[in-house]
């Protein structure tokens, strides 16, 4: 698999009102993301509540997404788990169903104690699908694992033959830049903070995986187009508009709030599972009224009835 250029959406897993997986909705979700011009779909990650699902559910969801995608865009399956053995099983399953790549966060209960320990954990998981490209998922604000990613790449290279790169979800953009340059730019470092996409482009990012790409991909794509054409002021202005939505999102529980946005646009993904907290009716109404004051929100593509 070549390096990813463009945007990959971190997809939500649709749930019924009782919290069970709404498998029937997945094909329509995939069609929407493909039509938005995304390069791939990241399945069972943070947005997809992978850590909140059983392994059986995760396998079914990954299979449903992969089947619906049908090779039209890339399928990247997140397999991270507090059990290394379980993550390895999920990796093996991702290969069996025809995913294009897989990714894993660090164990988040008993946490790796050093970079070498982290590498050893990822190396074990990666053997579950040795012929599939593997991306380490660096997201320290959720896992609590904040280690030097240059050290990780240096140690992981010899031990993980199928290491493709890192899904880099952190604001330490100088380290991200160093990772891009590491090893004569031999690894695919995908940026994971949507609100910092423009700065990431400025230091060489080519691919990105993000949550708000599920509903605002065309806006970000316009930022990329402006940047690539050298129209930096237009890229800045365009990116400023989406930042208004991201800043408002930060005042609410982020994943439930994004699912609320999707519902406002005609895509009801259902509730989030505990321990995530859903927006109350009053919060939903207040959030909606605040969003309506942001011009960009009124131009986001809604689901056709």
C-alpha atoms as a PDB file:
ATOM      1  CA  UNK A   1       0.000   0.000   0.000  1.00  0.00           C
ATOM      2  CA  UNK A   2       1.356   3.407  -0.957  1.00  0.00           C
ATOM      3  CA  UNK A   3       1.408   6.354   1.422  1.00  0.00           C
ATOM      4  CA  UNK A   4      -2.042   7.800   2.002  1.00  0.00           C
ATOM      5  CA  UNK A   5      -2.681  11.235   0.519  1.00  0.00           C
ATOM      6  CA  UNK A   6      -5.911  12.997   1.430  1.00  0.00           C
ATOM      7  CA  UNK A   7      -8.446  12.554   4.199  1.00  0.00           C
ATOM      8  CA  UNK A   8      -9.589   9.444   6.027  1.00  0.00           C
ATOM      9  CA  UNK A   9     -12.766   9.658   8.107  1.00  0.00           C
ATOM     10  CA  UNK A  10     -12.842   8.173  11.597  1.00  0.00           C
ATOM     11  CA  UNK A  11     -16.304   6.667  11.238  1.00  0.00           C
ATOM     12  CA  UNK A  12     -18.965   6.472  13.912  1.00  0.00           C
ATOM     13  CA  UNK A  13     -20.473   3.080  14.649  1.00  0.00           C
ATOM     14  CA  UNK A  14     -24.249   3.448  14.299  1.00  0.00           C
ATOM     15  CA  UNK A  15     -26.171   2.244  17.333  1.00  0.00           C
ATOM     16  CA  UNK A  16     -29.838   1.530  17.975  1.00  0.00           C
ATOM     17  CA  UNK A  17     -31.583   3.446  20.812  1.00  0.00           C
ATOM     18  CA  UNK A  18     -30.923   0.479  23.119  1.00  0.00           C
ATOM     19  CA  UNK A  19     -27.178   0.681  22.409  1.00  0.00           C
ATOM     20  CA  UNK A  20     -26.944  -2.359  20.142  1.00  0.00           C
ATOM     21  CA  UNK A  21     -25.091  -2.020  16.839  1.00  0.00           C
ATOM     22  CA  UNK A  22     -27.215  -0.779  13.952  1.00  0.00           C
ATOM     23  CA  UNK A  23     -25.622  -2.895  11.241  1.00  0.00           C
ATOM     24  CA  UNK A  24     -28.305  -1.996   8.703  1.00  0.00           C
ATOM     25  CA  UNK A  25     -27.167   1.642   8.631  1.00  0.00           C
ATOM     26  CA  UNK A  26     -23.512   0.956   7.791  1.00  0.00           C
ATOM     27  CA  UNK A  27     -23.856   0.704   3.958  1.00  0.00           C
ATOM     28  CA  UNK A  28     -25.548   4.128   3.784  1.00  0.00           C
ATOM     29  CA  UNK A  29     -22.860   5.634   6.015  1.00  0.00           C
ATOM     30  CA  UNK A  30     -20.150   4.222   3.765  1.00  0.00           C
ATOM     31  CA  UNK A  31     -21.856   5.559   0.637  1.00  0.00           C
ATOM     32  CA  UNK A  32     -21.985   9.023   2.213  1.00  0.00           C
ATOM     33  CA  UNK A  33     -18.285   9.006   3.121  1.00  0.00           C
ATOM     34  CA  UNK A  34     -17.262   7.706  -0.292  1.00  0.00           C
ATOM     35  CA  UNK A  35     -19.345  10.376  -2.026  1.00  0.00           C
ATOM     36  CA  UNK A  36     -17.653  13.030   0.145  1.00  0.00           C
ATOM     37  CA  UNK A  37     -14.412  12.174  -1.637  1.00  0.00           C
ATOM     38  CA  UNK A  38     -12.588  10.628   1.297  1.00  0.00           C
ATOM     39  CA  UNK A  39      -9.577   8.395   0.681  1.00  0.00           C
ATOM     40  CA  UNK A  40     -10.443   5.917   3.392  1.00  0.00           C
ATOM     41  CA  UNK A  41     -12.504   5.004   6.435  1.00  0.00           C
ATOM     42  CA  UNK A  42     -11.046   4.304   9.873  1.00  0.00           C
ATOM     43  CA  UNK A  43     -13.238   1.717  11.611  1.00  0.00           C
ATOM     44  CA  UNK A  44     -13.725   1.015  15.347  1.00  0.00           C
ATOM     45  CA  UNK A  45     -11.449   3.841  16.476  1.00  0.00           C
ATOM     46  CA  UNK A  46     -12.245   6.466  19.108  1.00  0.00           C
ATOM     47  CA  UNK A  47     -15.148   7.881  17.098  1.00  0.00           C
ATOM     48  CA  UNK A  48     -16.375   4.374  16.378  1.00  0.00           C
ATOM     49  CA  UNK A  49     -16.302   3.529  20.108  1.00  0.00           C
ATOM     50  CA  UNK A  50     -14.166   0.468  19.446  1.00  0.00           C
ATOM     51  CA  UNK A  51     -12.970   0.284  23.072  1.00  0.00           C
ATOM     52  CA  UNK A  52     -16.632   0.321  24.187  1.00  0.00           C
ATOM     53  CA  UNK A  53     -17.543  -2.733  22.111  1.00  0.00           C
ATOM     54  CA  UNK A  54     -16.975  -6.433  22.600  1.00  0.00           C
ATOM     55  CA  UNK A  55     -14.467  -8.111  20.309  1.00  0.00           C
ATOM     56  CA  UNK A  56     -17.303 -10.001  18.629  1.00  0.00           C
ATOM     57  CA  UNK A  57     -19.076  -6.721  17.890  1.00  0.00           C
ATOM     58  CA  UNK A  58     -15.886  -5.121  16.616  1.00  0.00           C
ATOM     59  CA  UNK A  59     -15.297  -8.002  14.227  1.00  0.00           C
ATOM     60  CA  UNK A  60     -18.836  -7.757  12.905  1.00  0.00           C
ATOM     61  CA  UNK A  61     -18.645  -3.974  12.502  1.00  0.00           C
ATOM     62  CA  UNK A  62     -15.266  -4.215  10.748  1.00  0.00           C
ATOM     63  CA  UNK A  63     -16.646  -6.882   8.435  1.00  0.00           C
ATOM     64  CA  UNK A  64     -19.780  -4.859   7.643  1.00  0.00           C
ATOM     65  CA  UNK A  65     -17.762  -1.721   6.864  1.00  0.00           C
ATOM     66  CA  UNK A  66     -15.248  -3.614   4.728  1.00  0.00           C
ATOM     67  CA  UNK A  67     -18.014  -5.316   2.776  1.00  0.00           C
ATOM     68  CA  UNK A  68     -19.858  -2.032   2.213  1.00  0.00           C
ATOM     69  CA  UNK A  69     -16.672  -0.213   1.173  1.00  0.00           C
ATOM     70  CA  UNK A  70     -15.981  -2.952  -1.374  1.00  0.00           C
ATOM     71  CA  UNK A  71     -12.589  -1.559  -2.340  1.00  0.00           C
ATOM     72  CA  UNK A  72     -13.887   1.888  -3.292  1.00  0.00           C
ATOM     73  CA  UNK A  73     -11.703   3.537  -0.647  1.00  0.00           C
ATOM     74  CA  UNK A  74      -9.237   2.246   1.938  1.00  0.00           C
ATOM     75  CA  UNK A  75     -10.443   0.323   4.984  1.00  0.00           C
ATOM     76  CA  UNK A  76      -8.302   0.773   8.093  1.00  0.00           C
ATOM     77  CA  UNK A  77      -9.410  -1.223  11.133  1.00  0.00           C
ATOM     78  CA  UNK A  78      -8.488  -0.197  14.651  1.00  0.00           C
ATOM     79  CA  UNK A  79      -7.681  -3.247  16.798  1.00  0.00           C
ATOM     80  CA  UNK A  80      -6.346  -1.638  19.992  1.00  0.00           C
ATOM     81  CA  UNK A  81      -7.363  -3.375  23.203  1.00  0.00           C
ATOM     82  CA  UNK A  82      -6.237  -3.532  26.823  1.00  0.00           C
ATOM     83  CA  UNK A  83      -5.470  -7.201  26.092  1.00  0.00           C
ATOM     84  CA  UNK A  84      -2.578  -7.674  23.661  1.00  0.00           C
ATOM     85  CA  UNK A  85      -3.831 -11.161  22.784  1.00  0.00           C
ATOM     86  CA  UNK A  86      -7.282  -9.804  21.948  1.00  0.00           C
ATOM     87  CA  UNK A  87      -5.795  -7.032  19.791  1.00  0.00           C
ATOM     88  CA  UNK A  88      -3.790  -9.659  17.933  1.00  0.00           C
ATOM     89  CA  UNK A  89      -6.972 -11.656  17.241  1.00  0.00           C
ATOM     90  CA  UNK A  90      -8.676  -8.514  15.931  1.00  0.00           C
ATOM     91  CA  UNK A  91      -5.672  -7.856  13.681  1.00  0.00           C
ATOM     92  CA  UNK A  92      -5.853 -11.375  12.276  1.00  0.00           C
ATOM     93  CA  UNK A  93      -9.567 -10.904  11.631  1.00  0.00           C
ATOM     94  CA  UNK A  94      -8.935  -7.584   9.837  1.00  0.00           C
ATOM     95  CA  UNK A  95      -6.639  -9.402   7.427  1.00  0.00           C
ATOM     96  CA  UNK A  96      -9.156 -12.206   6.898  1.00  0.00           C
ATOM     97  CA  UNK A  97     -11.967  -9.831   5.898  1.00  0.00           C
ATOM     98  CA  UNK A  98      -9.830  -7.943   3.396  1.00  0.00           C
ATOM     99  CA  UNK A  99      -9.029  -4.700   5.215  1.00  0.00           C
ATOM    100  CA  UNK A 100      -6.268  -2.585   3.670  1.00  0.00           C
ATOM    101  CA  UNK A 101      -4.466  -1.775   6.922  1.00  0.00           C
ATOM    102  CA  UNK A 102      -4.847  -1.929  10.690  1.00  0.00           C
ATOM    103  CA  UNK A 103      -3.923   0.233  13.630  1.00  0.00           C
ATOM    104  CA  UNK A 104      -3.633  -0.017  17.396  1.00  0.00           C
ATOM    105  CA  UNK A 105      -3.394   2.263  20.389  1.00  0.00           C
ATOM    106  CA  UNK A 106      -1.231   1.319  23.348  1.00  0.00           C
ATOM    107  CA  UNK A 107      -2.751  -0.788  26.108  1.00  0.00           C
ATOM    108  CA  UNK A 108      -4.565   1.697  28.326  1.00  0.00           C
ATOM    109  CA  UNK A 109      -5.018  -0.101  31.678  1.00  0.00           C
ATOM    110  CA  UNK A 110      -1.639  -1.691  32.350  1.00  0.00           C
ATOM    111  CA  UNK A 111       0.323   0.813  30.316  1.00  0.00           C
ATOM    112  CA  UNK A 112       3.694   0.317  28.603  1.00  0.00           C
ATOM    113  CA  UNK A 113       6.488   1.513  30.875  1.00  0.00           C
ATOM    114  CA  UNK A 114       9.026   2.500  28.223  1.00  0.00           C
ATOM    115  CA  UNK A 115       9.342   3.032  24.481  1.00  0.00           C
ATOM    116  CA  UNK A 116      10.900  -0.422  24.126  1.00  0.00           C
ATOM    117  CA  UNK A 117       8.009  -1.940  26.063  1.00  0.00           C
ATOM    118  CA  UNK A 118       5.546  -0.115  23.810  1.00  0.00           C
ATOM    119  CA  UNK A 119       7.364  -1.367  20.702  1.00  0.00           C
ATOM    120  CA  UNK A 120       7.312  -4.931  22.012  1.00  0.00           C
ATOM    121  CA  UNK A 121       3.553  -4.676  22.544  1.00  0.00           C
ATOM    122  CA  UNK A 122       2.935  -3.320  19.045  1.00  0.00           C
ATOM    123  CA  UNK A 123       5.271  -5.927  17.536  1.00  0.00           C
ATOM    124  CA  UNK A 124       3.210  -8.695  19.112  1.00  0.00           C
ATOM    125  CA  UNK A 125      -0.062  -7.220  17.828  1.00  0.00           C
ATOM    126  CA  UNK A 126       1.390  -6.682  14.357  1.00  0.00           C
ATOM    127  CA  UNK A 127       2.215 -10.398  14.028  1.00  0.00           C
ATOM    128  CA  UNK A 128      -1.536 -11.039  13.957  1.00  0.00           C
ATOM    129  CA  UNK A 129      -1.597  -9.737  10.370  1.00  0.00           C
ATOM    130  CA  UNK A 130       2.024  -9.810   9.143  1.00  0.00           C
ATOM    131  CA  UNK A 131       1.124  -9.074   5.514  1.00  0.00           C
ATOM    132  CA  UNK A 132      -1.042  -6.043   6.303  1.00  0.00           C
ATOM    133  CA  UNK A 133       0.319  -2.497   6.783  1.00  0.00           C
ATOM    134  CA  UNK A 134       0.298  -1.524  10.465  1.00  0.00           C
ATOM    135  CA  UNK A 135      -0.034   1.981  11.934  1.00  0.00           C
ATOM    136  CA  UNK A 136       0.688   2.736  15.569  1.00  0.00           C
ATOM    137  CA  UNK A 137      -2.099   4.971  16.898  1.00  0.00           C
ATOM    138  CA  UNK A 138      -0.507   7.724  18.985  1.00  0.00           C
ATOM    139  CA  UNK A 139      -3.232   9.487  20.985  1.00  0.00           C
ATOM    140  CA  UNK A 140      -1.738  10.406  24.377  1.00  0.00           C
ATOM    141  CA  UNK A 141      -4.671  12.486  25.618  1.00  0.00           C
ATOM    142  CA  UNK A 142      -6.800   9.310  25.681  1.00  0.00           C
ATOM    143  CA  UNK A 143      -4.288   6.545  26.416  1.00  0.00           C
ATOM    144  CA  UNK A 144      -2.062   8.475  28.798  1.00  0.00           C
ATOM    145  CA  UNK A 145       0.960   7.176  26.833  1.00  0.00           C
ATOM    146  CA  UNK A 146       3.104  10.132  25.804  1.00  0.00           C
ATOM    147  CA  UNK A 147       6.420   8.816  24.549  1.00  0.00           C
ATOM    148  CA  UNK A 148       8.921  10.068  21.989  1.00  0.00           C
ATOM    149  CA  UNK A 149       7.668   8.913  18.594  1.00  0.00           C
ATOM    150  CA  UNK A 150      11.095   9.290  17.000  1.00  0.00           C
ATOM    151  CA  UNK A 151      12.407   6.781  19.521  1.00  0.00           C
ATOM    152  CA  UNK A 152       9.431   4.582  18.682  1.00  0.00           C
ATOM    153  CA  UNK A 153      10.183   4.631  14.945  1.00  0.00           C
ATOM    154  CA  UNK A 154      13.869   3.946  15.507  1.00  0.00           C
ATOM    155  CA  UNK A 155      13.188   0.934  17.730  1.00  0.00           C
ATOM    156  CA  UNK A 156      10.094  -0.341  15.926  1.00  0.00           C
ATOM    157  CA  UNK A 157      11.543  -0.437  12.412  1.00  0.00           C
ATOM    158  CA  UNK A 158      13.663  -3.570  12.914  1.00  0.00           C
ATOM    159  CA  UNK A 159      11.023  -5.336  15.054  1.00  0.00           C
ATOM    160  CA  UNK A 160       7.837  -4.619  13.072  1.00  0.00           C
ATOM    161  CA  UNK A 161       8.414  -5.479   9.402  1.00  0.00           C
ATOM    162  CA  UNK A 162       4.885  -4.389   8.433  1.00  0.00           C
ATOM    163  CA  UNK A 163       5.073  -1.016  10.204  1.00  0.00           C
ATOM    164  CA  UNK A 164       3.659   1.504   7.728  1.00  0.00           C
ATOM    165  CA  UNK A 165       3.701   4.512  10.026  1.00  0.00           C
ATOM    166  CA  UNK A 166       1.848   6.355  12.768  1.00  0.00           C
ATOM    167  CA  UNK A 167      -1.606   7.809  13.178  1.00  0.00           C
ATOM    168  CA  UNK A 168      -0.347  10.883  14.986  1.00  0.00           C
ATOM    169  CA  UNK A 169      -3.091  12.439  17.119  1.00  0.00           C
ATOM    170  CA  UNK A 170      -1.273  14.991  19.259  1.00  0.00           C
ATOM    171  CA  UNK A 171      -0.580  18.722  19.180  1.00  0.00           C
ATOM    172  CA  UNK A 172       3.223  18.327  19.382  1.00  0.00           C
ATOM    173  CA  UNK A 173       3.510  19.345  15.765  1.00  0.00           C
ATOM    174  CA  UNK A 174       7.284  19.722  15.894  1.00  0.00           C
ATOM    175  CA  UNK A 175       7.588  16.028  16.763  1.00  0.00           C
ATOM    176  CA  UNK A 176       5.131  15.200  13.991  1.00  0.00           C
ATOM    177  CA  UNK A 177       7.399  17.054  11.555  1.00  0.00           C
ATOM    178  CA  UNK A 178      10.421  15.148  12.808  1.00  0.00           C
ATOM    179  CA  UNK A 179       8.553  11.863  12.330  1.00  0.00           C
ATOM    180  CA  UNK A 180       7.713  12.848   8.749  1.00  0.00           C
ATOM    181  CA  UNK A 181      11.410  13.354   8.044  1.00  0.00           C
ATOM    182  CA  UNK A 182      12.614  10.262   9.902  1.00  0.00           C
ATOM    183  CA  UNK A 183      14.438   7.620   7.884  1.00  0.00           C
ATOM    184  CA  UNK A 184      14.473   9.686   4.707  1.00  0.00           C
ATOM    185  CA  UNK A 185      10.676  10.005   4.912  1.00  0.00           C
ATOM    186  CA  UNK A 186      10.218   6.247   4.826  1.00  0.00           C
ATOM    187  CA  UNK A 187       7.138   6.127   7.069  1.00  0.00           C
ATOM    188  CA  UNK A 188       3.579   7.270   6.487  1.00  0.00           C
ATOM    189  CA  UNK A 189       2.754   9.699   9.305  1.00  0.00           C
ATOM    190  CA  UNK A 190      -0.941  10.533   9.228  1.00  0.00           C
ATOM    191  CA  UNK A 191      -2.036  13.612  11.150  1.00  0.00           C
ATOM    192  CA  UNK A 192      -4.957  13.183  13.543  1.00  0.00           C
ATOM    193  CA  UNK A 193      -5.982  16.593  14.920  1.00  0.00           C
ATOM    194  CA  UNK A 194      -8.426  18.141  12.464  1.00  0.00           C
ATOM    195  CA  UNK A 195      -8.176  21.641  13.895  1.00  0.00           C
ATOM    196  CA  UNK A 196      -4.426  21.665  13.170  1.00  0.00           C
ATOM    197  CA  UNK A 197      -4.683  20.338   9.624  1.00  0.00           C
ATOM    198  CA  UNK A 198      -3.480  23.566   8.014  1.00  0.00           C
ATOM    199  CA  UNK A 199      -0.335  23.854  10.181  1.00  0.00           C
ATOM    200  CA  UNK A 200       0.299  20.158   9.512  1.00  0.00           C
ATOM    201  CA  UNK A 201       0.089  20.773   5.762  1.00  0.00           C
ATOM    202  CA  UNK A 202       2.609  23.575   6.130  1.00  0.00           C
ATOM    203  CA  UNK A 203       5.234  21.170   7.508  1.00  0.00           C
ATOM    204  CA  UNK A 204       4.618  18.425   4.974  1.00  0.00           C
ATOM    205  CA  UNK A 205       1.553  16.383   5.952  1.00  0.00           C
ATOM    206  CA  UNK A 206      -0.049  14.601   3.010  1.00  0.00           C
ATOM    207  CA  UNK A 207      -2.587  12.373   4.750  1.00  0.00           C
ATOM    208  CA  UNK A 208      -4.845  12.832   7.761  1.00  0.00           C
ATOM    209  CA  UNK A 209      -7.360  10.789   9.756  1.00  0.00           C
ATOM    210  CA  UNK A 210     -10.003  12.720  11.649  1.00  0.00           C
ATOM    211  CA  UNK A 211     -13.392  12.720  13.277  1.00  0.00           C
ATOM    212  CA  UNK A 212     -14.918  15.914  11.864  1.00  0.00           C
ATOM    213  CA  UNK A 213     -14.162  14.674   8.358  1.00  0.00           C
ATOM    214  CA  UNK A 214     -17.331  12.605   8.799  1.00  0.00           C
ATOM    215  CA  UNK A 215     -19.440  15.750   8.355  1.00  0.00           C
ATOM    216  CA  UNK A 216     -17.125  18.480   7.046  1.00  0.00           C
ATOM    217  CA  UNK A 217     -14.765  16.707   4.634  1.00  0.00           C
ATOM    218  CA  UNK A 218     -15.560  19.057   1.701  1.00  0.00           C
ATOM    219  CA  UNK A 219     -14.523  22.057   3.810  1.00  0.00           C
ATOM    220  CA  UNK A 220     -11.175  20.547   4.754  1.00  0.00           C
ATOM    221  CA  UNK A 221     -10.623  19.426   1.178  1.00  0.00           C
ATOM    222  CA  UNK A 222     -11.045  23.037   0.078  1.00  0.00           C
ATOM    223  CA  UNK A 223      -8.390  24.059   2.611  1.00  0.00           C
ATOM    224  CA  UNK A 224      -6.044  21.472   1.078  1.00  0.00           C
ATOM    225  CA  UNK A 225      -6.824  22.690  -2.446  1.00  0.00           C
ATOM    226  CA  UNK A 226      -6.130  26.304  -1.526  1.00  0.00           C
ATOM    227  CA  UNK A 227      -2.895  25.330   0.220  1.00  0.00           C
ATOM    228  CA  UNK A 228      -1.653  23.175  -2.658  1.00  0.00           C
ATOM    229  CA  UNK A 229      -2.360  25.971  -5.140  1.00  0.00           C
ATOM    230  CA  UNK A 230      -0.346  28.423  -3.061  1.00  0.00           C
ATOM    231  CA  UNK A 231      -3.342  30.502  -2.001  1.00  0.00           C
ATOM    232  CA  UNK A 232      -2.401  30.537   1.672  1.00  0.00           C
ATOM    233  CA  UNK A 233      -4.699  33.402   2.686  1.00  0.00           C
ATOM    234  CA  UNK A 234      -7.713  31.567   1.246  1.00  0.00           C
ATOM    235  CA  UNK A 235      -6.637  28.377   3.007  1.00  0.00           C
ATOM    236  CA  UNK A 236      -6.394  30.289   6.285  1.00  0.00           C
ATOM    237  CA  UNK A 237      -9.805  31.898   5.856  1.00  0.00           C
ATOM    238  CA  UNK A 238     -11.440  28.615   4.944  1.00  0.00           C
ATOM    239  CA  UNK A 239      -9.843  26.786   7.873  1.00  0.00           C
ATOM    240  CA  UNK A 240     -10.879  29.541  10.275  1.00  0.00           C
ATOM    241  CA  UNK A 241     -14.517  28.727   9.553  1.00  0.00           C
ATOM    242  CA  UNK A 242     -14.267  25.071  10.521  1.00  0.00           C
ATOM    243  CA  UNK A 243     -12.288  26.024  13.628  1.00  0.00           C
ATOM    244  CA  UNK A 244     -15.383  27.855  14.889  1.00  0.00           C
ATOM    245  CA  UNK A 245     -17.255  24.556  14.916  1.00  0.00           C
ATOM    246  CA  UNK A 246     -14.354  22.681  16.515  1.00  0.00           C
ATOM    247  CA  UNK A 247     -14.050  25.300  19.266  1.00  0.00           C
ATOM    248  CA  UNK A 248     -17.743  24.993  20.036  1.00  0.00           C
ATOM    249  CA  UNK A 249     -17.449  21.195  20.051  1.00  0.00           C
ATOM    250  CA  UNK A 250     -14.807  21.423  22.767  1.00  0.00           C
ATOM    251  CA  UNK A 251     -17.383  22.863  25.160  1.00  0.00           C
ATOM    252  CA  UNK A 252     -19.344  19.586  25.049  1.00  0.00           C
ATOM    253  CA  UNK A 253     -18.428  15.893  25.320  1.00  0.00           C
ATOM    254  CA  UNK A 254     -16.684  15.612  21.928  1.00  0.00           C
ATOM    255  CA  UNK A 255     -17.884  12.280  20.543  1.00  0.00           C
ATOM    256  CA  UNK A 256     -21.528  12.655  21.690  1.00  0.00           C
ATOM    257  CA  UNK A 257     -21.491  16.235  20.360  1.00  0.00           C
ATOM    258  CA  UNK A 258     -20.267  15.119  16.950  1.00  0.00           C
ATOM    259  CA  UNK A 259     -22.941  12.432  16.825  1.00  0.00           C
ATOM    260  CA  UNK A 260     -25.403  15.208  17.664  1.00  0.00           C
ATOM    261  CA  UNK A 261     -24.139  17.188  14.664  1.00  0.00           C
ATOM    262  CA  UNK A 262     -24.632  14.151  12.459  1.00  0.00           C
ATOM    263  CA  UNK A 263     -28.190  13.827  13.773  1.00  0.00           C
ATOM    264  CA  UNK A 264     -28.840  17.480  12.951  1.00  0.00           C
ATOM    265  CA  UNK A 265     -27.668  16.726   9.417  1.00  0.00           C
ATOM    266  CA  UNK A 266     -30.060  13.780   9.117  1.00  0.00           C
ATOM    267  CA  UNK A 267     -27.772  10.958  10.269  1.00  0.00           C
ATOM    268  CA  UNK A 268     -28.970   9.519  13.570  1.00  0.00           C
ATOM    269  CA  UNK A 269     -26.137   7.333  14.864  1.00  0.00           C
ATOM    270  CA  UNK A 270     -27.953   6.693  18.131  1.00  0.00           C
ATOM    271  CA  UNK A 271     -26.594   7.159  21.643  1.00  0.00           C
ATOM    272  CA  UNK A 272     -23.062   6.626  22.891  1.00  0.00           C
ATOM    273  CA  UNK A 273     -22.275   3.817  25.285  1.00  0.00           C
ATOM    274  CA  UNK A 274     -21.173   4.367  28.867  1.00  0.00           C
ATOM    275  CA  UNK A 275     -18.884   5.699  30.144  1.00  0.00           C
ATOM    276  CA  UNK A 276     -19.413   8.299  27.394  1.00  0.00           C
ATOM    277  CA  UNK A 277     -22.118  10.786  28.369  1.00  0.00           C
ATOM    278  CA  UNK A 278     -24.813  11.676  25.858  1.00  0.00           C
ATOM    279  CA  UNK A 279     -26.007  15.248  25.500  1.00  0.00           C
ATOM    280  CA  UNK A 280     -29.184  16.019  27.422  1.00  0.00           C
ATOM    281  CA  UNK A 281     -32.185  17.371  25.507  1.00  0.00           C
ATOM    282  CA  UNK A 282     -31.411  20.864  26.778  1.00  0.00           C
ATOM    283  CA  UNK A 283     -27.748  20.582  25.786  1.00  0.00           C
ATOM    284  CA  UNK A 284     -28.733  19.341  22.335  1.00  0.00           C
ATOM    285  CA  UNK A 285     -31.065  22.294  21.781  1.00  0.00           C
ATOM    286  CA  UNK A 286     -28.499  24.809  23.055  1.00  0.00           C
ATOM    287  CA  UNK A 287     -25.750  23.243  20.950  1.00  0.00           C
ATOM    288  CA  UNK A 288     -27.961  23.323  17.853  1.00  0.00           C
ATOM    289  CA  UNK A 289     -28.836  26.983  18.347  1.00  0.00           C
ATOM    290  CA  UNK A 290     -25.150  27.851  18.823  1.00  0.00           C
ATOM    291  CA  UNK A 291     -24.224  25.968  15.666  1.00  0.00           C
ATOM    292  CA  UNK A 292     -26.873  27.817  13.665  1.00  0.00           C
ATOM    293  CA  UNK A 293     -25.006  31.045  14.469  1.00  0.00           C
ATOM    294  CA  UNK A 294     -21.938  29.710  12.622  1.00  0.00           C
ATOM    295  CA  UNK A 295     -22.399  30.354   8.861  1.00  0.00           C
ATOM    296  CA  UNK A 296     -20.440  27.264   7.836  1.00  0.00           C
ATOM    297  CA  UNK A 297     -22.751  24.920   9.737  1.00  0.00           C
ATOM    298  CA  UNK A 298     -25.675  26.021   7.598  1.00  0.00           C
ATOM    299  CA  UNK A 299     -23.778  24.937   4.484  1.00  0.00           C
ATOM    300  CA  UNK A 300     -22.726  21.464   5.636  1.00  0.00           C
ATOM    301  CA  UNK A 301     -24.230  18.755   3.428  1.00  0.00           C
ATOM    302  CA  UNK A 302     -27.354  17.238   4.971  1.00  0.00           C
ATOM    303  CA  UNK A 303     -28.713  13.779   4.258  1.00  0.00           C
ATOM    304  CA  UNK A 304     -31.127  13.684   1.365  1.00  0.00           C
ATOM    305  CA  UNK A 305     -34.534  12.349   2.336  1.00  0.00           C
END
